[in-house]
Every structure is written in C-alpha cells, then in structure tokens.
Amino acid sequence: MSFPTAPLGSLCEVLDRLRKPITKSARTPGEYPYYGATGIVDYVDGYLFDEPLVLLGEDGAKWGPGEKSAFAASGRYWVNNHAHIVRPNRAKLLDDWLIFYLNWQDLSPFITGLTVPKLNQERMREIPVPVPPLEEQRRIVAVLDEAFAAIATAIANTEKNLANAQELLQAATVSRMRRQEEGWTKKPLGSFCDIYQPETISKKQMSDDGQYPVFGANGKIGRYDRFNHEQSQLLVTCRGATCGSINISEPFSWITGNAMVVRPRSGELRLGLLRRIFETGFDFSKVITGAAQPQITLQSLAPSKVAFPTDLGEQKRLEAELDEIDAEVKGLENSYEAKLRELAELKQSLLNRAFSGELTEREPLAA
C-alpha cells in the first residue's frame, strides 16, 4: 500500500522569518536552549519560541538517510539561521511522523551548493511527504516509538558490552605482563634500542597516488613516492596532545619526524613485546616535556627503564599468549559490532516498511 504525497510546503507553515542568530560573543548565558542545524549548541537568557515545532538543518547539517536531519524543539527556546523552522498543519500531519520521515529519507537530491552545501527554503518546500490518515500516522508512530525504544536499549547494552570487552583486553594483558615481571632484566631504552626521529616531509610533497604510505604523529597521513623504512617500526607520537600514543608502521613506509622510532637492536627484545610493554605499563607522562607544546625527546625517552625477559624464547611465548588473548577479545568485539550493524539495519527496515504502508501492528522488537 502506498500513501498519497504532498509537498512539505503545502503541509507546513515555514517560520524562518522569525529565527535570529546571536554571535557567540553576544550571547548571555541562560536557561533556554539555543538551536542550530544539528540541535542545541548553547543556552541563552532569552527565547523566540514557546511551542513545539520541527527543525530541519539548512546548512552545516547532514541530509543522508538516518542522519537525524530533522528534530523536535519544545518548551521555550531560540533558533539561529542554520535551521529551518516548520509548524506542521496538525489536522493533516503529525510532528513525529514528519520527523521520522525526513530522517529516513535521503534529502541529498534537494541540497544545493558545492562549497557550502545547503538545503534552501525553496527546495525544502518541494520535498514530497507521504500523508496517510492521521489515525494511521498515530498507529505507525506508536509502533516505531516502541520498537526504537527497544532498539535504543539494545544498542546501549551492546555498546556497554563492547567497552567492557576492550577493558577486559587491557586488564588481561596487564595482568599477564605483571605476573611475569619477576626475574626480568630492567634496562634503559637507549641501551638496547635505536631511538630517533626521521626526516619530515611537507604535505605538498605527498600525493594521493604515491606508492608508499606516510606515517606521522597519529598514524597514516598520506602517500609518497619514496620510503625511508623497509620494515615495520614501532612509533611513539612525540609532539602535540597525543604524545605517547603508539602506532606500528607498515613495511616500505615513509616515517616523519613527528613520530619517534623506537627499534630494539637485533637479539635484545621482540618488537611486538616492546609494543605491549609501552601499551600496558609505561608511563609516558614522565617523559613528556613542554606545557604549551607537549613533546617527547630522545633525551627524555632514552634513559627510561623497562623490564623484559632476556630469553628470546620466553619473549616469543609471552607474545603468543598475549596474541591469543587479543584474538579472543577481538572475537567478542566483532560479535558486538555485528550486533550494532544488525540493529541499525533493523531501524532502517522498520522505517522502510512504515513509509511503504507495510508496518504491522506488532513488530518483532530487538532483544
């Protein structure tokens, strides 16, 4: 069953003429929400509206399916010029029905502008909206509300389980390392590792079609037509807010000077085990210098002592045990991530059926 449609502009009164932006410097803090393209952006001491209305992002928003382009505003609030304001004709159209529909629909065909994408008022008014009888709108909205509440609970539980799995990995790895430390040697990093910052290249020297990946402070940052390291290297971010973050480069990469290479000399310590030591027990805060611009230098890092087993066979066995823990937890993470994808697909499926007239009175809810 398909529903009749009508242009949004014929179903709603557009109140854009009443909105008013306030620059950040001119805002006086208060109790009233100040809405922009994607929701509340501040609270101010005055209001423009005192009724439930529907807001739809004009610019600075996303308009793809499921992007929450539209949202409800109620109570007393202020709206700036980045959101359209519409008052549905409630004899024909429910606010919640319109919001569900606009957030399900792909609105990108109505967007103008390349440099600054925008849903202008003229194009917004043209958006076709399905208009079943009000009683049918109420029925479908009630089913969606119930189903989405159950899905939201399932998503929250799954995200919590995912976070717990990641914490479990960290705790299990730390525990395994701690149990083994007795009898290990403890040496300054500089006594058994080569520590250095490679040559930095500019963004202009990189190219999208470069043959080799470029690694900077926070991982891969581009491509280049040359490499300066044939083997994978352990990298420590040595500049900026993420100082002390760990990355492993790919073979045949260019590594820039924003990353510190820490490479164990042959026969001393396996690279993978050094990464584990850094991730589980090394306190980088003790080697970070500079307040305005945090950094790690060779002089601060090289004297730092780390404990590790001297026997390479023991190192290999320990690394294998930690990899096994990784694999088990990764399996849990994959399961939870698959569940999140299924829940997102279920939401889209419910909306697809809702707006095609196929949504039944009772829908199977997420567990």
Foldseek 3Di string as FASTA:
>chain_A
DAFDKDFQLVFKDWDLVQAADDDPVRFAADAAFEAAQQGGDGHGNAFRDAAKWKKAFFFPAAQAAQRQRIDIDHGTHHYHNGIITIDGPVQFDDPLLVSLVSNRHRCVVQWDDDVTTGNDPVSNRRDMHGTDHPVLSVLLSVQLVVQVVLLVVVLVVLVVLLVVLVVVLLVVLLVLVVVPQPPFDKAFLLVFKDKAFDAADDPVQFDQPAPAFEQALPGTDGHHVAADFQQWFWWAQFKDPRGLDIDIHHGRHHYGRRIMTIGGDPLFADRLVVVSQSSRPDDCVQQWDDDVMTGGDCVSRRRDMDTDHSDVVVRVVSSVVSVVSVVVSVVSNVVSVVVNVVSVVVSSVSSVCSNRVNHDSHDDHDD
